[in-house]
Amino acid sequence: MLKHRGFPGRLTGTDFQFTIRRPNPKGVTPLTRRERFADRRPPDKRADAAFMAALWAQFGDAPFERGNLDAGRLSWLFEREVKPATDPFDPADYQALLVIDEAVARASFPDAFADGWEA
């Protein structure tokens, strides 16, 4: 499992996790599309925006390996702002390649792309 050096481990001051420390011994947690409903709590929305800002700062529009990125946090963005970069795609593989759909991500999280953005 690739560890993304320099990527924030969590949202500062919260327990919202962005990365994992080690592979799951029971098997890889698959990525699944999670629905974001309008009545989500503001801290959850802030965590999504901060995660998107961190992804964009680290990878930009280049494909990237899932590696140690948290499956739960990725699943909130999966198949919308973050899409599979290869076909076929294995959602239960730490080496799966993903890519940010910049147009969708900017529409969903415009503040995450602003210079000097903070959660």
Protein backbone atom coordinates (compact mmCIF):
# COMPACT_ATOMS: atom_id res chain seq x y z
CA MET A 1 0.00 0.00 0.00
CA LEU A 2 1.43 3.34 -1.10
CA LYS A 3 1.62 5.93 1.67
CA HIS A 4 1.06 9.46 0.39
CA ARG A 5 3.75 11.47 2.15
CA GLY A 6 2.76 15.03 3.00
CA PHE A 7 -0.97 14.31 2.79
CA PRO A 8 -2.86 15.42 5.93
CA GLY A 9 -3.91 12.51 8.15
CA ARG A 10 -7.11 14.18 9.34
CA LEU A 11 -9.02 17.43 9.39
CA THR A 12 -7.27 19.65 11.93
CA GLY A 13 -9.02 19.79 15.28
CA THR A 14 -11.42 16.92 14.47
CA ASP A 15 -11.53 13.14 14.25
CA PHE A 16 -12.36 13.17 10.52
CA GLN A 17 -9.74 10.78 9.14
CA PHE A 18 -8.18 11.30 5.69
CA THR A 19 -5.59 8.49 5.64
CA ILE A 20 -5.07 5.07 7.19
CA ARG A 21 -1.88 3.89 8.84
CA ARG A 22 -1.78 0.28 7.68
CA PRO A 23 -3.65 -2.06 5.33
CA ASN A 24 -6.80 -3.68 6.70
CA PRO A 25 -5.86 -7.24 7.73
CA LYS A 26 -9.42 -8.41 6.90
CA GLY A 27 -9.16 -7.16 3.31
CA VAL A 28 -9.36 -3.90 1.42
CA THR A 29 -12.44 -1.77 2.10
CA PRO A 30 -14.06 -1.21 -1.31
CA LEU A 31 -14.92 2.27 -2.54
CA THR A 32 -18.67 2.82 -2.91
CA ARG A 33 -20.63 5.88 -3.90
CA ARG A 34 -22.23 7.43 -0.81
CA GLU A 35 -25.11 9.82 -1.27
CA ARG A 36 -24.63 13.31 0.16
CA PHE A 37 -27.99 14.59 1.29
CA ALA A 38 -28.73 18.30 1.75
CA ASP A 39 -29.29 17.91 5.50
CA ARG A 40 -25.73 16.70 6.25
CA ARG A 41 -24.10 18.34 9.25
CA PRO A 42 -21.81 21.34 8.59
CA PRO A 43 -18.73 19.56 10.04
CA ASP A 44 -19.25 16.71 7.55
CA LYS A 45 -19.47 19.18 4.69
CA ARG A 46 -16.31 20.95 5.93
CA ALA A 47 -14.48 17.61 6.05
CA ASP A 48 -15.48 16.84 2.44
CA ALA A 49 -14.29 20.26 1.28
CA ALA A 50 -11.00 19.98 3.20
CA PHE A 51 -10.40 16.49 1.78
CA MET A 52 -11.03 17.76 -1.75
CA ALA A 53 -8.66 20.69 -1.17
CA ALA A 54 -5.97 18.28 0.08
CA LEU A 55 -6.49 15.97 -2.92
CA TRP A 56 -6.22 18.88 -5.34
CA ALA A 57 -3.11 20.29 -3.61
CA GLN A 58 -1.41 16.88 -3.63
CA PHE A 59 -2.41 15.49 -7.06
CA GLY A 60 -4.04 18.21 -9.19
CA ASP A 61 -5.60 16.77 -12.34
CA ALA A 62 -3.12 13.86 -12.60
CA PRO A 63 -4.19 10.27 -11.92
CA PHE A 64 -3.22 9.03 -8.46
CA GLU A 65 -3.07 5.73 -6.62
CA ARG A 66 -5.61 5.14 -3.85
CA GLY A 67 -2.90 3.95 -1.46
CA ASN A 68 -3.50 4.89 2.15
CA LEU A 69 -6.37 7.32 1.47
CA ASP A 70 -9.35 6.53 3.71
CA ALA A 71 -12.04 4.57 1.86
CA GLY A 72 -14.84 6.13 3.90
CA ARG A 73 -13.78 9.69 3.11
CA LEU A 74 -13.10 8.85 -0.56
CA SER A 75 -16.53 7.23 -0.86
CA TRP A 76 -18.25 10.57 -0.17
CA LEU A 77 -16.59 11.92 -3.36
CA PHE A 78 -16.39 8.71 -5.41
CA GLU A 79 -18.05 8.66 -8.85
CA ARG A 80 -18.73 12.39 -8.66
CA GLU A 81 -15.64 14.51 -7.94
CA VAL A 82 -13.23 11.55 -7.85
CA LYS A 83 -13.58 8.99 -10.64
CA PRO A 84 -11.81 5.81 -11.69
CA ALA A 85 -8.84 6.54 -13.96
CA THR A 86 -8.73 3.08 -15.52
CA ASP A 87 -11.17 0.60 -17.00
CA PRO A 88 -11.59 -2.01 -15.63
CA PHE A 89 -11.52 -0.54 -12.11
CA ASP A 90 -11.24 -2.58 -8.93
CA PRO A 91 -12.83 -0.64 -6.03
CA ALA A 92 -11.17 -3.01 -3.53
CA ASP A 93 -7.54 -2.44 -4.55
CA TYR A 94 -5.04 -0.14 -2.82
CA GLN A 95 -3.28 0.28 -6.19
CA ALA A 96 -6.41 1.42 -8.04
CA LEU A 97 -5.92 4.66 -9.98
CA LEU A 98 -8.29 7.58 -9.43
CA VAL A 99 -8.53 11.04 -10.96
CA ILE A 100 -10.26 14.27 -9.93
CA ASP A 101 -13.00 15.51 -12.27
CA GLU A 102 -12.00 19.15 -11.97
CA ALA A 103 -15.19 20.66 -13.41
CA VAL A 104 -17.46 18.70 -11.06
CA ALA A 105 -15.15 19.27 -8.07
CA ARG A 106 -15.01 23.04 -8.65
CA ALA A 107 -18.80 23.17 -8.90
CA SER A 108 -19.26 21.13 -5.72
CA PHE A 109 -16.47 22.68 -3.62
CA PRO A 110 -15.56 26.10 -5.07
CA ASP A 111 -13.87 27.25 -1.85
CA ALA A 112 -11.55 24.22 -1.86
CA PHE A 113 -9.85 25.60 -4.98
CA ALA A 114 -9.32 29.12 -3.61
CA ASP A 115 -5.76 30.18 -2.73
CA GLY A 116 -5.10 30.03 1.00
CA TRP A 117 -8.24 28.02 1.69
CA GLU A 118 -8.63 26.61 5.20
CA ALA A 119 -11.35 24.43 6.70
